[in-house]
Amino acid sequence: MGKWVLCTHFFYEKIWRCFFIASKEKSLFVNEQIRAKEVMVIGPNGEQLGVKDLKDALTLAGYAGFDLVQINQNATPPVCKIMDYNKFKYENKKKQKENMKKQRESNLEMKEYRLSVTIDVHDFNTRVINSKKYLEKGHKIKVTIRFKGRELAHPELGKDVLVRFASALEDIAEVELKPSLEGRFMTMILMPKKEK
């Protein structure tokens, strides 16, 4: 009687885990969701256990206290690994969060400020103040000068404005990309200074 209760408990626990996992994750087949008759089994430590019947593979996973997860359904026979599926999902989510965080850090917004060769002192100072706020948030800024008409004959005047802009922000910013002329536009990129 005691063995029967233990066997029934084990059976219901496996069914519950299968349905619980199936409802959470749709991409991989787990335990009883696997439909192949024979599978290539990889052990919990990465060792190949060979081609086995699905029932035998499920029994091996059950004895090990893990799940049988189909990791490659396109292979012949499909490849299944014995693993703790909940731990696997947790580690994947953790990696995704770390990757998203790194991506956010690398893709910080870049604000563009447009200046002109004949910019007024007040306008210049206003753009310096606004860009200072933006740099303090950790974002990069792109400063652009558009040359109009004959101004293109004197690009050094635009470069002087950009250098003056960079020197006004030198306490919190450093030049990432020096002023460069492309067509009618001269651009420069400033980034926040790294704390030492």
N, C-alpha and C. Protein backbone atom coordinates (compact mmCIF):
# COMPACT_ATOMS: atom_id res chain seq x y z
N MET A 1 0.83 -1.21 0.00
CA MET A 1 0.00 0.00 0.00
C MET A 1 0.86 1.25 0.00
N GLY A 2 1.94 1.26 0.83
CA GLY A 2 2.82 2.42 0.92
C GLY A 2 3.53 2.70 -0.40
N LYS A 3 3.96 1.62 -1.11
CA LYS A 3 4.62 1.79 -2.40
C LYS A 3 3.67 2.38 -3.43
N TRP A 4 2.42 1.93 -3.38
CA TRP A 4 1.42 2.43 -4.34
C TRP A 4 1.18 3.93 -4.16
N VAL A 5 1.08 4.37 -2.89
CA VAL A 5 0.88 5.80 -2.59
C VAL A 5 2.08 6.60 -3.08
N LEU A 6 3.28 6.08 -2.82
CA LEU A 6 4.50 6.76 -3.24
C LEU A 6 4.56 6.86 -4.77
N CYS A 7 4.21 5.78 -5.46
CA CYS A 7 4.21 5.76 -6.92
C CYS A 7 3.18 6.74 -7.48
N THR A 8 1.99 6.77 -6.87
CA THR A 8 0.94 7.69 -7.30
C THR A 8 1.36 9.14 -7.10
N HIS A 9 1.99 9.40 -5.93
CA HIS A 9 2.47 10.75 -5.64
C HIS A 9 3.51 11.17 -6.68
N PHE A 10 4.45 10.26 -7.00
CA PHE A 10 5.49 10.54 -7.99
C PHE A 10 4.86 10.82 -9.36
N PHE A 11 3.86 10.01 -9.74
CA PHE A 11 3.17 10.16 -11.03
C PHE A 11 2.48 11.52 -11.12
N TYR A 12 1.73 11.90 -10.09
CA TYR A 12 1.03 13.19 -10.11
C TYR A 12 1.99 14.37 -10.08
N GLU A 13 3.09 14.20 -9.36
CA GLU A 13 4.09 15.28 -9.33
C GLU A 13 4.67 15.49 -10.73
N LYS A 14 4.96 14.40 -11.45
CA LYS A 14 5.51 14.52 -12.80
C LYS A 14 4.50 15.17 -13.75
N ILE A 15 3.21 14.76 -13.64
CA ILE A 15 2.18 15.36 -14.49
C ILE A 15 2.03 16.84 -14.17
N TRP A 16 2.02 17.19 -12.87
CA TRP A 16 1.89 18.60 -12.47
C TRP A 16 3.04 19.42 -13.01
N ARG A 17 4.26 18.89 -12.89
CA ARG A 17 5.44 19.61 -13.39
C ARG A 17 5.35 19.82 -14.89
N CYS A 18 4.88 18.78 -15.58
CA CYS A 18 4.78 18.86 -17.04
C CYS A 18 3.80 19.96 -17.45
N PHE A 19 2.61 19.98 -16.84
CA PHE A 19 1.61 20.99 -17.20
C PHE A 19 2.03 22.38 -16.74
N PHE A 20 2.66 22.45 -15.56
CA PHE A 20 3.11 23.75 -15.05
C PHE A 20 4.17 24.34 -15.98
N ILE A 21 5.11 23.51 -16.39
CA ILE A 21 6.17 23.96 -17.27
C ILE A 21 5.60 24.30 -18.65
N ALA A 22 4.67 23.49 -19.14
CA ALA A 22 4.08 23.72 -20.46
C ALA A 22 3.33 25.04 -20.50
N SER A 23 2.68 25.39 -19.41
CA SER A 23 1.93 26.65 -19.41
C SER A 23 2.86 27.84 -19.37
N LYS A 24 4.02 27.68 -18.77
CA LYS A 24 4.95 28.79 -18.64
C LYS A 24 5.76 29.02 -19.91
N GLU A 25 6.19 27.94 -20.55
CA GLU A 25 7.13 28.04 -21.67
C GLU A 25 6.62 27.23 -22.85
N LYS A 26 6.52 27.84 -24.00
CA LYS A 26 5.97 27.15 -25.16
C LYS A 26 7.05 26.68 -26.13
N SER A 27 8.27 27.20 -26.00
CA SER A 27 9.27 26.96 -27.03
C SER A 27 9.88 25.57 -26.99
N LEU A 28 10.07 24.98 -25.83
CA LEU A 28 10.72 23.67 -25.72
C LEU A 28 9.71 22.64 -25.20
N PHE A 29 9.82 21.41 -25.72
CA PHE A 29 8.97 20.34 -25.22
C PHE A 29 9.65 19.69 -24.02
N VAL A 30 8.86 19.40 -22.99
CA VAL A 30 9.40 18.89 -21.73
C VAL A 30 8.63 17.63 -21.33
N ASN A 31 9.37 16.63 -20.87
CA ASN A 31 8.82 15.38 -20.35
C ASN A 31 7.77 14.76 -21.28
N GLU A 32 6.52 14.68 -20.84
CA GLU A 32 5.47 14.00 -21.61
C GLU A 32 5.03 14.76 -22.86
N GLN A 33 5.49 15.98 -23.04
CA GLN A 33 5.16 16.74 -24.25
C GLN A 33 5.92 16.23 -25.47
N ILE A 34 7.03 15.55 -25.22
CA ILE A 34 7.88 15.07 -26.31
C ILE A 34 7.13 13.95 -27.04
N ARG A 35 7.06 14.04 -28.37
CA ARG A 35 6.25 13.09 -29.18
C ARG A 35 7.10 12.05 -29.91
N ALA A 36 8.40 12.19 -29.93
CA ALA A 36 9.24 11.24 -30.66
C ALA A 36 9.28 9.89 -29.95
N LYS A 37 9.46 8.81 -30.70
CA LYS A 37 9.54 7.47 -30.10
C LYS A 37 10.93 7.21 -29.55
N GLU A 38 11.95 7.69 -30.30
CA GLU A 38 13.33 7.53 -29.86
C GLU A 38 13.99 8.90 -29.80
N VAL A 39 14.87 9.09 -28.83
CA VAL A 39 15.57 10.37 -28.67
C VAL A 39 17.04 10.12 -28.36
N MET A 40 17.86 11.05 -28.77
CA MET A 40 19.28 11.05 -28.38
C MET A 40 19.34 11.75 -27.03
N VAL A 41 19.87 11.07 -26.03
CA VAL A 41 19.84 11.60 -24.66
C VAL A 41 21.22 12.13 -24.26
N ILE A 42 21.21 13.34 -23.70
CA ILE A 42 22.42 13.94 -23.14
C ILE A 42 22.19 14.05 -21.64
N GLY A 43 23.16 13.58 -20.87
CA GLY A 43 23.04 13.56 -19.41
C GLY A 43 23.15 14.94 -18.79
N PRO A 44 22.91 15.03 -17.48
CA PRO A 44 22.94 16.33 -16.79
C PRO A 44 24.30 17.02 -16.83
N ASN A 45 25.38 16.24 -16.97
CA ASN A 45 26.72 16.82 -17.00
C ASN A 45 27.26 16.97 -18.42
N GLY A 46 26.39 16.77 -19.43
CA GLY A 46 26.80 16.96 -20.82
C GLY A 46 27.29 15.70 -21.51
N GLU A 47 27.27 14.55 -20.81
CA GLU A 47 27.74 13.32 -21.43
C GLU A 47 26.63 12.72 -22.30
N GLN A 48 27.03 12.12 -23.42
CA GLN A 48 26.05 11.50 -24.32
C GLN A 48 25.71 10.10 -23.82
N LEU A 49 24.41 9.85 -23.66
CA LEU A 49 23.95 8.55 -23.17
C LEU A 49 23.43 7.67 -24.31
N GLY A 50 23.42 8.20 -25.53
CA GLY A 50 23.03 7.42 -26.70
C GLY A 50 21.56 7.56 -27.04
N VAL A 51 21.14 6.80 -28.05
CA VAL A 51 19.74 6.81 -28.50
C VAL A 51 18.94 5.87 -27.61
N LYS A 52 17.82 6.38 -27.09
CA LYS A 52 16.99 5.59 -26.17
C LYS A 52 15.53 5.77 -26.54
N ASP A 53 14.71 4.79 -26.13
CA ASP A 53 13.26 4.95 -26.25
C ASP A 53 12.85 6.09 -25.35
N LEU A 54 11.76 6.75 -25.71
CA LEU A 54 11.28 7.88 -24.92
C LEU A 54 10.97 7.47 -23.48
N LYS A 55 10.36 6.30 -23.30
CA LYS A 55 10.02 5.84 -21.95
C LYS A 55 11.27 5.66 -21.10
N ASP A 56 12.31 5.07 -21.71
CA ASP A 56 13.57 4.86 -20.98
C ASP A 56 14.22 6.20 -20.62
N ALA A 57 14.16 7.15 -21.56
CA ALA A 57 14.75 8.47 -21.31
C ALA A 57 14.00 9.19 -20.19
N LEU A 58 12.67 9.07 -20.19
CA LEU A 58 11.88 9.68 -19.12
C LEU A 58 12.17 9.03 -17.77
N THR A 59 12.38 7.72 -17.79
CA THR A 59 12.71 7.00 -16.55
C THR A 59 14.07 7.47 -16.02
N LEU A 60 15.04 7.60 -16.93
CA LEU A 60 16.37 8.09 -16.52
C LEU A 60 16.27 9.48 -15.90
N ALA A 61 15.50 10.36 -16.54
CA ALA A 61 15.34 11.72 -16.02
C ALA A 61 14.65 11.70 -14.67
N GLY A 62 13.64 10.83 -14.53
CA GLY A 62 12.91 10.73 -13.26
C GLY A 62 13.82 10.25 -12.13
N TYR A 63 14.65 9.24 -12.40
CA TYR A 63 15.57 8.73 -11.38
C TYR A 63 16.60 9.80 -10.99
N ALA A 64 17.00 10.60 -11.96
CA ALA A 64 17.98 11.66 -11.67
C ALA A 64 17.33 12.84 -10.94
N GLY A 65 15.98 12.90 -10.95
CA GLY A 65 15.28 14.01 -10.30
C GLY A 65 15.22 15.26 -11.17
N PHE A 66 15.38 15.07 -12.48
CA PHE A 66 15.36 16.19 -13.41
C PHE A 66 14.26 16.02 -14.44
N ASP A 67 14.22 16.94 -15.39
CA ASP A 67 13.27 16.88 -16.50
C ASP A 67 14.01 16.47 -17.76
N LEU A 68 13.25 15.91 -18.70
CA LEU A 68 13.77 15.59 -20.02
C LEU A 68 13.30 16.71 -20.94
N VAL A 69 14.25 17.46 -21.50
CA VAL A 69 13.92 18.63 -22.32
C VAL A 69 14.43 18.40 -23.73
N GLN A 70 13.52 18.59 -24.70
CA GLN A 70 13.89 18.43 -26.11
C GLN A 70 14.55 19.73 -26.58
N ILE A 71 15.87 19.68 -26.78
CA ILE A 71 16.59 20.91 -27.12
C ILE A 71 16.79 21.07 -28.62
N ASN A 72 16.66 19.98 -29.40
CA ASN A 72 16.77 20.08 -30.86
C ASN A 72 15.79 19.10 -31.49
N GLN A 73 14.68 19.62 -31.99
CA GLN A 73 13.66 18.74 -32.57
C GLN A 73 13.91 18.46 -34.05
N ASN A 74 14.80 19.22 -34.68
CA ASN A 74 15.07 19.03 -36.11
C ASN A 74 16.04 17.90 -36.39
N ALA A 75 16.77 17.46 -35.37
CA ALA A 75 17.73 16.38 -35.56
C ALA A 75 16.99 15.05 -35.69
N THR A 76 17.68 14.04 -36.23
CA THR A 76 17.09 12.71 -36.32
C THR A 76 18.00 11.73 -35.62
N PRO A 77 17.65 11.15 -34.50
CA PRO A 77 16.47 11.42 -33.69
C PRO A 77 16.61 12.75 -32.93
N PRO A 78 15.49 13.29 -32.42
CA PRO A 78 15.56 14.56 -31.68
C PRO A 78 16.49 14.45 -30.47
N VAL A 79 17.17 15.56 -30.17
CA VAL A 79 18.12 15.57 -29.05
C VAL A 79 17.41 16.08 -27.81
N CYS A 80 17.52 15.32 -26.72
CA CYS A 80 16.92 15.70 -25.44
C CYS A 80 18.01 15.72 -24.37
N LYS A 81 17.86 16.64 -23.44
CA LYS A 81 18.84 16.75 -22.36
C LYS A 81 18.14 16.58 -21.03
N ILE A 82 18.80 15.90 -20.12
CA ILE A 82 18.29 15.74 -18.76
C ILE A 82 18.80 16.93 -17.97
N MET A 83 17.86 17.75 -17.48
CA MET A 83 18.26 18.97 -16.77
C MET A 83 17.14 19.43 -15.84
N ASP A 84 17.49 20.35 -14.95
CA ASP A 84 16.49 21.02 -14.12
C ASP A 84 15.94 22.17 -14.95
N TYR A 85 14.75 22.00 -15.49
CA TYR A 85 14.21 22.95 -16.47
C TYR A 85 13.92 24.31 -15.84
N ASN A 86 13.44 24.32 -14.60
CA ASN A 86 13.15 25.60 -13.94
C ASN A 86 14.42 26.41 -13.74
N LYS A 87 15.51 25.73 -13.37
CA LYS A 87 16.80 26.41 -13.20
C LYS A 87 17.28 26.93 -14.55
N PHE A 88 17.11 26.14 -15.60
CA PHE A 88 17.49 26.53 -16.96
C PHE A 88 16.75 27.80 -17.38
N LYS A 89 15.44 27.84 -17.14
CA LYS A 89 14.64 29.03 -17.50
C LYS A 89 15.09 30.25 -16.69
N TYR A 90 15.35 30.02 -15.40
CA TYR A 90 15.79 31.12 -14.53
C TYR A 90 17.09 31.72 -15.04
N GLU A 91 18.05 30.86 -15.39
CA GLU A 91 19.35 31.34 -15.88
C GLU A 91 19.20 32.06 -17.21
N ASN A 92 18.30 31.56 -18.09
CA ASN A 92 18.05 32.23 -19.37
C ASN A 92 17.47 33.62 -19.17
N LYS A 93 16.51 33.75 -18.25
CA LYS A 93 15.91 35.06 -17.97
C LYS A 93 16.96 36.02 -17.41
N LYS A 94 17.82 35.48 -16.55
CA LYS A 94 18.89 36.30 -15.97
C LYS A 94 19.84 36.80 -17.05
N LYS A 95 20.21 35.92 -17.99
CA LYS A 95 21.08 36.31 -19.10
C LYS A 95 20.41 37.36 -19.97
N GLN A 96 19.11 37.17 -20.24
CA GLN A 96 18.38 38.14 -21.07
C GLN A 96 18.35 39.50 -20.40
N LYS A 97 18.14 39.53 -19.08
CA LYS A 97 18.12 40.81 -18.36
C LYS A 97 19.49 41.49 -18.44
N GLU A 98 20.55 40.70 -18.26
CA GLU A 98 21.91 41.27 -18.34
C GLU A 98 22.19 41.80 -19.74
N ASN A 99 21.77 41.04 -20.77
CA ASN A 99 21.97 41.50 -22.15
C ASN A 99 21.19 42.77 -22.43
N MET A 100 19.95 42.85 -21.92
CA MET A 100 19.14 44.05 -22.11
C MET A 100 19.79 45.25 -21.43
N LYS A 101 20.34 45.01 -20.24
CA LYS A 101 21.00 46.08 -19.49
C LYS A 101 22.22 46.59 -20.25
N LYS A 102 23.02 45.65 -20.78
CA LYS A 102 24.20 46.04 -21.56
C LYS A 102 23.79 46.78 -22.82
N GLN A 103 22.71 46.32 -23.44
CA GLN A 103 22.24 46.96 -24.67
C GLN A 103 21.75 48.38 -24.37
N ARG A 104 21.04 48.55 -23.25
CA ARG A 104 20.57 49.89 -22.87
C ARG A 104 21.75 50.82 -22.63
N GLU A 105 22.79 50.28 -21.95
CA GLU A 105 23.96 51.12 -21.67
C GLU A 105 24.68 51.52 -22.95
N SER A 106 24.76 50.58 -23.91
CA SER A 106 25.47 50.89 -25.15
C SER A 106 24.63 51.76 -26.09
N ASN A 107 23.31 51.68 -25.94
CA ASN A 107 22.43 52.47 -26.82
C ASN A 107 21.83 53.67 -26.11
N LEU A 108 22.64 54.33 -25.31
CA LEU A 108 22.13 55.53 -24.65
C LEU A 108 21.72 56.54 -25.71
N GLU A 109 20.69 57.28 -25.39
CA GLU A 109 20.18 58.24 -26.36
C GLU A 109 21.23 59.29 -26.70
N MET A 110 21.19 59.73 -27.93
CA MET A 110 22.10 60.78 -28.37
C MET A 110 21.24 61.98 -28.78
N LYS A 111 21.49 63.09 -28.15
CA LYS A 111 20.75 64.31 -28.44
C LYS A 111 21.59 65.13 -29.41
N GLU A 112 20.91 65.73 -30.38
CA GLU A 112 21.63 66.54 -31.36
C GLU A 112 21.34 68.02 -31.13
N TYR A 113 22.39 68.81 -31.10
CA TYR A 113 22.27 70.27 -30.98
C TYR A 113 22.81 70.89 -32.25
N ARG A 114 22.02 71.77 -32.84
CA ARG A 114 22.45 72.43 -34.08
C ARG A 114 22.91 73.84 -33.77
N LEU A 115 24.06 74.14 -34.28
CA LEU A 115 24.63 75.48 -34.13
C LEU A 115 24.81 76.06 -35.53
N SER A 116 25.16 77.33 -35.57
CA SER A 116 25.50 77.94 -36.86
C SER A 116 26.82 78.70 -36.71
N VAL A 117 27.41 79.03 -37.82
CA VAL A 117 28.69 79.75 -37.80
C VAL A 117 28.51 81.11 -37.14
N THR A 118 27.36 81.73 -37.34
CA THR A 118 27.10 83.07 -36.81
C THR A 118 26.16 83.03 -35.61
N ILE A 119 26.33 82.03 -34.74
CA ILE A 119 25.43 81.88 -33.59
C ILE A 119 25.63 83.02 -32.60
N ASP A 120 24.53 83.49 -32.02
CA ASP A 120 24.55 84.56 -31.03
C ASP A 120 25.07 84.01 -29.70
N VAL A 121 25.67 84.85 -28.87
CA VAL A 121 26.25 84.44 -27.59
C VAL A 121 25.18 83.83 -26.68
N HIS A 122 24.00 84.47 -26.64
CA HIS A 122 22.94 83.97 -25.76
C HIS A 122 22.46 82.58 -26.22
N ASP A 123 22.27 82.39 -27.51
CA ASP A 123 21.86 81.08 -28.04
C ASP A 123 22.92 80.02 -27.76
N PHE A 124 24.17 80.41 -27.92
CA PHE A 124 25.29 79.51 -27.66
C PHE A 124 25.26 79.05 -26.20
N ASN A 125 25.12 80.01 -25.27
CA ASN A 125 25.11 79.69 -23.84
C ASN A 125 23.91 78.82 -23.46
N THR A 126 22.75 79.09 -24.09
CA THR A 126 21.56 78.28 -23.82
C THR A 126 21.78 76.84 -24.22
N ARG A 127 22.39 76.63 -25.39
CA ARG A 127 22.66 75.26 -25.84
C ARG A 127 23.70 74.58 -24.96
N VAL A 128 24.66 75.34 -24.45
CA VAL A 128 25.67 74.77 -23.54
C VAL A 128 24.99 74.30 -22.25
N ILE A 129 24.09 75.12 -21.71
CA ILE A 129 23.38 74.76 -20.46
C ILE A 129 22.52 73.52 -20.68
N ASN A 130 21.76 73.49 -21.80
CA ASN A 130 20.90 72.34 -22.08
C ASN A 130 21.71 71.07 -22.29
N SER A 131 22.80 71.17 -23.01
CA SER A 131 23.61 69.99 -23.26
C SER A 131 24.31 69.52 -21.98
N LYS A 132 24.63 70.43 -21.08
CA LYS A 132 25.24 70.06 -19.80
C LYS A 132 24.28 69.18 -19.00
N LYS A 133 22.99 69.55 -18.98
CA LYS A 133 21.98 68.75 -18.28
C LYS A 133 21.89 67.35 -18.88
N TYR A 134 21.95 67.30 -20.19
CA TYR A 134 21.82 66.02 -20.87
C TYR A 134 23.05 65.14 -20.64
N LEU A 135 24.23 65.75 -20.63
CA LEU A 135 25.46 65.00 -20.37
C LEU A 135 25.49 64.46 -18.94
N GLU A 136 24.94 65.23 -18.00
CA GLU A 136 24.92 64.80 -16.60
C GLU A 136 24.06 63.56 -16.40
N LYS A 137 23.10 63.34 -17.30
CA LYS A 137 22.26 62.14 -17.24
C LYS A 137 22.99 60.92 -17.80
N GLY A 138 24.16 61.14 -18.40
CA GLY A 138 24.95 60.03 -18.94
C GLY A 138 24.80 59.81 -20.42
N HIS A 139 24.14 60.71 -21.11
CA HIS A 139 23.92 60.57 -22.55
C HIS A 139 25.01 61.29 -23.34
N LYS A 140 25.17 60.86 -24.59
CA LYS A 140 26.09 61.53 -25.50
C LYS A 140 25.34 62.63 -26.23
N ILE A 141 26.09 63.59 -26.73
CA ILE A 141 25.47 64.64 -27.55
C ILE A 141 26.23 64.77 -28.87
N LYS A 142 25.46 65.12 -29.89
CA LYS A 142 26.02 65.34 -31.22
C LYS A 142 25.80 66.81 -31.54
N VAL A 143 26.88 67.51 -31.85
CA VAL A 143 26.80 68.94 -32.17
C VAL A 143 27.04 69.08 -33.67
N THR A 144 26.10 69.76 -34.34
CA THR A 144 26.16 69.88 -35.79
C THR A 144 26.12 71.34 -36.21
N ILE A 145 26.92 71.66 -37.18
CA ILE A 145 26.86 72.99 -37.81
C ILE A 145 26.54 72.77 -39.28
N ARG A 146 25.53 73.48 -39.76
CA ARG A 146 25.18 73.42 -41.18
C ARG A 146 25.66 74.71 -41.84
N PHE A 147 26.47 74.52 -42.84
CA PHE A 147 27.01 75.68 -43.57
C PHE A 147 26.01 76.10 -44.65
N LYS A 148 25.74 77.39 -44.69
CA LYS A 148 24.80 77.93 -45.67
C LYS A 148 25.57 78.79 -46.67
N GLY A 149 25.25 78.60 -47.93
CA GLY A 149 25.83 79.44 -48.98
C GLY A 149 27.34 79.48 -48.97
N ARG A 150 27.88 80.70 -48.83
CA ARG A 150 29.34 80.91 -48.92
C ARG A 150 30.08 80.52 -47.64
N GLU A 151 29.33 80.20 -46.57
CA GLU A 151 29.99 79.79 -45.31
C GLU A 151 30.83 78.54 -45.54
N LEU A 152 30.46 77.74 -46.52
CA LEU A 152 31.19 76.50 -46.81
C LEU A 152 32.62 76.77 -47.25
N ALA A 153 32.88 77.98 -47.71
CA ALA A 153 34.24 78.34 -48.14
C ALA A 153 35.16 78.53 -46.93
N HIS A 154 34.59 78.68 -45.74
CA HIS A 154 35.39 78.88 -44.51
C HIS A 154 34.99 77.89 -43.43
N PRO A 155 35.30 76.60 -43.60
CA PRO A 155 34.93 75.60 -42.61
C PRO A 155 35.64 75.79 -41.27
N GLU A 156 36.77 76.50 -41.29
CA GLU A 156 37.50 76.73 -40.03
C GLU A 156 36.68 77.55 -39.04
N LEU A 157 35.77 78.42 -39.54
CA LEU A 157 34.90 79.19 -38.65
C LEU A 157 33.93 78.27 -37.90
N GLY A 158 33.39 77.27 -38.60
CA GLY A 158 32.51 76.29 -37.96
C GLY A 158 33.27 75.44 -36.96
N LYS A 159 34.50 75.08 -37.33
CA LYS A 159 35.32 74.27 -36.42
C LYS A 159 35.62 75.05 -35.14
N ASP A 160 35.86 76.36 -35.28
CA ASP A 160 36.11 77.20 -34.10
C ASP A 160 34.91 77.20 -33.16
N VAL A 161 33.69 77.27 -33.72
CA VAL A 161 32.47 77.25 -32.89
C VAL A 161 32.36 75.92 -32.15
N LEU A 162 32.64 74.83 -32.85
CA LEU A 162 32.56 73.51 -32.20
C LEU A 162 33.61 73.34 -31.11
N VAL A 163 34.82 73.82 -31.37
CA VAL A 163 35.88 73.73 -30.36
C VAL A 163 35.53 74.58 -29.14
N ARG A 164 34.95 75.76 -29.40
CA ARG A 164 34.51 76.63 -28.30
C ARG A 164 33.41 75.95 -27.48
N PHE A 165 32.50 75.24 -28.17
CA PHE A 165 31.42 74.51 -27.50
C PHE A 165 31.99 73.40 -26.62
N ALA A 166 32.96 72.65 -27.16
CA ALA A 166 33.59 71.56 -26.40
C ALA A 166 34.35 72.10 -25.19
N SER A 167 35.03 73.23 -25.36
CA SER A 167 35.79 73.79 -24.23
C SER A 167 34.86 74.33 -23.15
N ALA A 168 33.64 74.77 -23.53
CA ALA A 168 32.67 75.23 -22.54
C ALA A 168 32.15 74.07 -21.69
N LEU A 169 32.25 72.85 -22.23
CA LEU A 169 31.76 71.67 -21.51
C LEU A 169 32.88 70.74 -21.05
N GLU A 170 34.13 71.21 -21.11
CA GLU A 170 35.26 70.32 -20.83
C GLU A 170 35.29 69.80 -19.40
N ASP A 171 34.60 70.46 -18.45
CA ASP A 171 34.61 69.97 -17.07
C ASP A 171 33.78 68.70 -16.91
N ILE A 172 32.76 68.46 -17.78
CA ILE A 172 31.94 67.25 -17.64
C ILE A 172 31.93 66.38 -18.89
N ALA A 173 32.53 66.85 -19.98
CA ALA A 173 32.48 66.08 -21.24
C ALA A 173 33.83 66.01 -21.90
N GLU A 174 33.98 64.95 -22.69
CA GLU A 174 35.19 64.82 -23.51
C GLU A 174 34.77 64.52 -24.94
N VAL A 175 35.63 64.89 -25.86
CA VAL A 175 35.33 64.72 -27.28
C VAL A 175 35.53 63.26 -27.67
N GLU A 176 34.48 62.65 -28.19
CA GLU A 176 34.57 61.27 -28.67
C GLU A 176 34.93 61.27 -30.16
N LEU A 177 34.28 62.15 -30.90
CA LEU A 177 34.55 62.27 -32.34
C LEU A 177 34.86 63.72 -32.64
N LYS A 178 36.08 63.97 -33.10
CA LYS A 178 36.50 65.35 -33.40
C LYS A 178 35.69 65.91 -34.56
N PRO A 179 35.63 67.26 -34.67
CA PRO A 179 34.85 67.86 -35.75
C PRO A 179 35.27 67.35 -37.12
N SER A 180 34.28 66.87 -37.88
CA SER A 180 34.56 66.37 -39.22
C SER A 180 33.50 66.89 -40.18
N LEU A 181 33.95 67.24 -41.37
CA LEU A 181 33.08 67.83 -42.38
C LEU A 181 32.56 66.75 -43.31
N GLU A 182 31.23 66.70 -43.45
CA GLU A 182 30.60 65.77 -44.39
C GLU A 182 29.57 66.57 -45.18
N GLY A 183 29.89 66.88 -46.41
CA GLY A 183 28.98 67.69 -47.23
C GLY A 183 28.86 69.09 -46.66
N ARG A 184 27.63 69.52 -46.37
CA ARG A 184 27.40 70.85 -45.80
C ARG A 184 27.38 70.83 -44.26
N PHE A 185 27.60 69.66 -43.65
CA PHE A 185 27.51 69.53 -42.19
C PHE A 185 28.86 69.22 -41.58
N MET A 186 29.14 69.87 -40.46
CA MET A 186 30.31 69.53 -39.66
C MET A 186 29.78 69.03 -38.32
N THR A 187 30.19 67.83 -37.92
CA THR A 187 29.67 67.24 -36.69
C THR A 187 30.79 66.91 -35.71
N MET A 188 30.39 66.88 -34.44
CA MET A 188 31.30 66.51 -33.36
C MET A 188 30.45 65.78 -32.33
N ILE A 189 31.00 64.74 -31.71
CA ILE A 189 30.27 64.00 -30.68
C ILE A 189 31.00 64.15 -29.36
N LEU A 190 30.23 64.52 -28.32
CA LEU A 190 30.75 64.64 -26.97
C LEU A 190 30.12 63.55 -26.10
N MET A 191 30.93 63.02 -25.20
CA MET A 191 30.42 62.02 -24.26
C MET A 191 30.78 62.42 -22.84
N PRO A 192 30.00 61.97 -21.86
CA PRO A 192 30.30 62.34 -20.47
C PRO A 192 31.66 61.80 -20.05
N LYS A 193 32.35 62.56 -19.21
CA LYS A 193 33.65 62.09 -18.70
C LYS A 193 33.43 60.91 -17.78
N LYS A 194 34.30 59.93 -17.90
CA LYS A 194 34.22 58.76 -17.04
C LYS A 194 34.82 59.11 -15.69
N GLU A 195 34.10 58.69 -14.64
CA GLU A 195 34.59 58.98 -13.28
C GLU A 195 35.77 58.09 -13.00
N LYS A 196 36.80 58.69 -12.38
CA LYS A 196 38.03 57.92 -12.07
C LYS A 196 38.02 57.49 -10.63
